[in-house]
Protein backbone atom coordinates (compact mmCIF):
# COMPACT_ATOMS: atom_id res chain seq x y z
CA MET A 1 -25.77 -6.69 -0.62
CA GLY A 2 -26.99 -9.77 1.23
CA PRO A 3 -25.48 -11.26 4.39
CA HIS A 4 -21.85 -10.90 3.31
CA PRO A 5 -20.93 -7.64 5.06
CA GLY A 6 -22.09 -9.04 8.42
CA VAL A 7 -19.62 -11.91 8.12
CA ALA A 8 -16.75 -9.49 7.50
CA ASP A 9 -17.88 -7.00 10.16
CA ARG A 10 -17.20 -9.58 12.87
CA ALA A 11 -13.75 -10.36 11.47
CA VAL A 12 -12.14 -6.91 11.21
CA PRO A 13 -10.69 -4.75 14.00
CA ARG A 14 -13.03 -2.31 15.69
CA GLY A 15 -13.67 0.78 13.60
CA GLN A 16 -12.29 -0.77 10.40
CA PHE A 17 -15.48 -2.12 8.88
CA PRO A 18 -16.64 1.15 7.23
CA ALA A 19 -13.41 1.25 5.20
CA LEU A 20 -13.77 -2.43 4.22
CA GLN A 21 -17.41 -1.91 3.31
CA GLN A 22 -16.56 1.07 1.10
CA LEU A 23 -13.65 -0.77 -0.54
CA TRP A 24 -15.54 -3.94 -1.42
CA THR A 25 -18.76 -2.11 -2.31
CA ASN A 26 -16.78 -0.16 -4.90
CA GLU A 27 -14.76 -3.16 -6.07
CA SER A 28 -17.53 -5.75 -6.44
CA GLY A 29 -20.77 -4.61 -4.81
CA TRP A 30 -20.15 -7.56 -2.43
CA ARG A 31 -21.04 -9.93 -5.29
CA TRP A 32 -19.30 -13.31 -5.05
CA ASN A 33 -19.40 -13.66 -8.85
CA ALA A 34 -18.16 -10.17 -9.76
CA GLN A 35 -15.84 -10.40 -12.76
CA ASN A 36 -13.68 -7.44 -13.72
CA PRO A 37 -14.19 -6.75 -17.43
CA THR A 38 -10.61 -5.59 -18.00
CA SER A 39 -8.60 -8.01 -15.83
CA PRO A 40 -8.80 -11.50 -14.32
CA ALA A 41 -9.90 -9.97 -10.96
CA TYR A 42 -12.81 -11.89 -9.47
CA GLY A 43 -15.14 -12.11 -6.50
CA ILE A 44 -15.91 -9.90 -3.52
CA PRO A 45 -12.30 -8.83 -2.90
CA GLN A 46 -11.50 -8.71 -6.64
CA ALA A 47 -8.46 -10.99 -6.28
CA ASP A 48 -6.25 -10.61 -9.35
CA PRO A 49 -6.24 -13.28 -10.62
CA GLY A 50 -9.24 -14.82 -8.88
CA SER A 51 -7.51 -18.20 -8.64
CA LYS A 52 -5.31 -16.80 -5.84
CA MET A 53 -8.33 -17.34 -3.57
CA ALA A 54 -7.90 -21.12 -3.93
CA ALA A 55 -5.44 -20.76 -1.04
CA ALA A 56 -8.48 -20.11 1.19
CA GLY A 57 -10.60 -22.94 -0.19
CA ALA A 58 -11.40 -24.98 -3.28
CA ASP A 59 -14.85 -23.36 -3.44
CA TRP A 60 -13.42 -19.87 -4.02
CA ARG A 61 -15.44 -19.38 -7.23
CA THR A 62 -18.83 -19.64 -5.49
CA ASN A 63 -18.46 -19.29 -1.71
CA TYR A 64 -18.62 -15.76 -0.39
CA ARG A 65 -17.21 -16.88 2.98
CA THR A 66 -14.07 -18.29 1.30
CA GLN A 67 -13.66 -15.06 -0.67
CA ILE A 68 -14.08 -12.89 2.42
CA ARG A 69 -11.62 -15.05 4.37
CA TRP A 70 -9.05 -14.74 1.58
CA GLY A 71 -9.69 -11.02 1.14
CA LEU A 72 -9.30 -10.26 4.85
CA GLY A 73 -6.09 -12.29 4.96
CA TYR A 74 -4.77 -10.43 1.93
CA ILE A 75 -5.58 -7.04 3.45
CA ARG A 76 -4.05 -8.06 6.79
CA SER A 77 -0.80 -9.30 5.22
CA THR A 78 -0.43 -6.54 2.63
CA TYR A 79 -1.91 -3.41 4.21
CA ARG A 80 -2.45 -4.44 7.84
CA LEU A 81 -5.81 -2.62 8.03
CA PRO A 82 -8.80 -2.00 5.75
CA THR A 83 -8.33 1.78 6.14
CA THR A 84 -4.83 1.47 4.63
CA ALA A 85 -6.14 -0.72 1.78
CA LEU A 86 -8.88 1.81 1.09
CA ALA A 87 -6.36 4.67 1.05
CA ALA A 88 -4.26 2.73 -1.48
CA TRP A 89 -7.36 2.08 -3.59
CA GLU A 90 -8.37 5.75 -3.48
CA GLY A 91 -4.85 6.83 -4.43
CA ARG A 92 -4.83 4.92 -7.72
CA SER A 93 -6.57 5.62 -10.99
CA PRO A 94 -7.97 3.33 -12.17
CA HIS A 95 -8.69 2.10 -8.66
CA TRP A 96 -7.14 -1.16 -7.46
CA TYR A 97 -5.67 -2.53 -4.26
CA ASP A 98 -4.81 -6.15 -5.10
CA GLY A 99 -1.82 -6.10 -7.34
CA PRO A 100 1.94 -6.29 -7.53
CA GLY A 101 3.94 -6.52 -4.38
CA PRO A 102 3.33 -5.82 -0.73
CA GLN A 103 2.75 -2.33 0.60
CA PHE A 104 4.61 -3.26 3.78
CA LEU A 105 7.88 -5.09 4.04
CA PRO A 106 7.90 -8.01 6.46
CA PRO A 107 9.87 -7.65 9.69
CA GLY A 108 13.42 -8.96 9.66
CA PRO A 109 15.80 -9.56 6.80
CA SER A 110 14.21 -10.05 3.40
CA LEU A 111 14.96 -9.82 -0.29
CA VAL A 112 12.54 -7.61 -2.18
CA MET A 113 12.17 -7.43 -5.93
CA ASN A 114 9.99 -5.00 -7.83
CA GLY A 115 8.74 -6.96 -10.82
CA THR A 116 6.21 -4.36 -11.99
CA GLY A 117 8.45 -2.76 -14.58
CA GLY A 118 7.99 0.66 -13.01
CA PRO A 119 8.25 2.45 -9.69
CA GLU A 120 6.31 0.82 -6.89
CA ARG A 121 4.99 2.76 -3.92
CA VAL A 122 5.95 1.39 -0.53
CA LEU A 123 4.73 4.35 1.51
CA SER A 124 1.10 5.43 1.57
CA PRO A 125 0.42 8.91 0.20
CA GLY A 126 0.05 10.21 3.77
CA GLU A 127 3.33 8.62 4.84
CA GLU A 128 5.04 10.08 1.78
CA ARG A 129 3.74 13.59 2.60
CA GLY A 130 4.95 13.20 6.20
CA LEU A 131 8.39 12.11 5.00
CA GLU A 132 8.58 15.05 2.60
CA LYS A 133 7.72 17.46 5.43
CA ARG A 134 10.46 15.95 7.60
CA LEU A 135 12.99 16.18 4.76
CA ASP A 136 12.02 19.81 4.19
CA ARG A 137 12.65 20.48 7.87
CA ILE A 138 16.03 18.73 7.72
CA ALA A 139 16.97 20.80 4.65
CA TYR A 140 15.91 23.97 6.45
CA LEU A 141 18.09 23.11 9.44
CA LEU A 142 21.07 21.99 7.32
CA GLU A 143 21.05 25.27 5.39
CA ARG A 144 21.79 27.03 8.65
CA ILE A 145 25.07 25.12 9.17
CA PRO A 146 28.02 27.30 8.12
CA GLY A 147 29.57 26.12 4.85
CA VAL A 148 26.58 24.14 3.56
CA GLN A 149 25.37 25.61 0.30
CA ALA A 150 21.81 25.27 -0.98
CA ALA A 151 22.88 23.81 -4.34
CA GLN A 152 24.98 21.17 -2.64
CA LEU A 153 22.12 20.35 -0.26
CA GLY A 154 19.71 19.98 -3.17
CA ARG A 155 22.02 17.44 -4.83
CA VAL A 156 22.28 15.46 -1.60
CA LEU A 157 18.51 15.36 -1.07
CA SER A 158 17.84 14.44 -4.70
CA GLY A 159 20.28 11.53 -4.58
CA ARG A 160 22.75 13.04 -7.06
CA PRO A 161 26.43 12.64 -6.22
CA VAL A 162 28.19 15.52 -4.54
CA ALA A 163 31.95 16.09 -4.77
CA PRO A 164 33.61 15.39 -1.41
CA ARG A 165 34.41 18.46 0.64
CA PRO A 166 36.19 18.94 3.91
CA SER A 167 33.83 18.62 6.82
CA VAL A 168 32.49 21.85 8.26
CA PHE A 169 32.94 20.22 11.65
CA ALA A 170 36.62 19.30 11.13
CA SER A 171 37.96 22.30 13.04
CA ARG A 172 35.82 21.62 16.09
């Protein structure tokens, strides 16, 4: 693996290096000249396309430090932490973590477009499971309100339109 992991170890938050090491070992073996055979992904972080790393330096094709700097910046801006990037990588088959769109929306007002041609995950799998558990709990509680019917509740939670009804709270 060479000296590369040591450079990155000093640049990531405490406790995050094992995730980064696993991610980039699987992506490129920490090889600065790793070329993906099925895509234009290149280098240690497997930037797709590799030319995106030019933002970190003109020597992106051959300098492992430039590639690590770009890769850490990409992870920080897209996933915040290497553990989150690794979770995204593990949740995809075939594995990838550098691709279309951010995993986190920036703070403040923004305009977001999904240009992938298909659904794009914004929540991590763990966040999605947590949200589903909370929605299940909300459904459980709503079913106990007089006048709310399970079929109607299912349509609401699935996003299908529900015919307007008088409020069950109107008489209170």
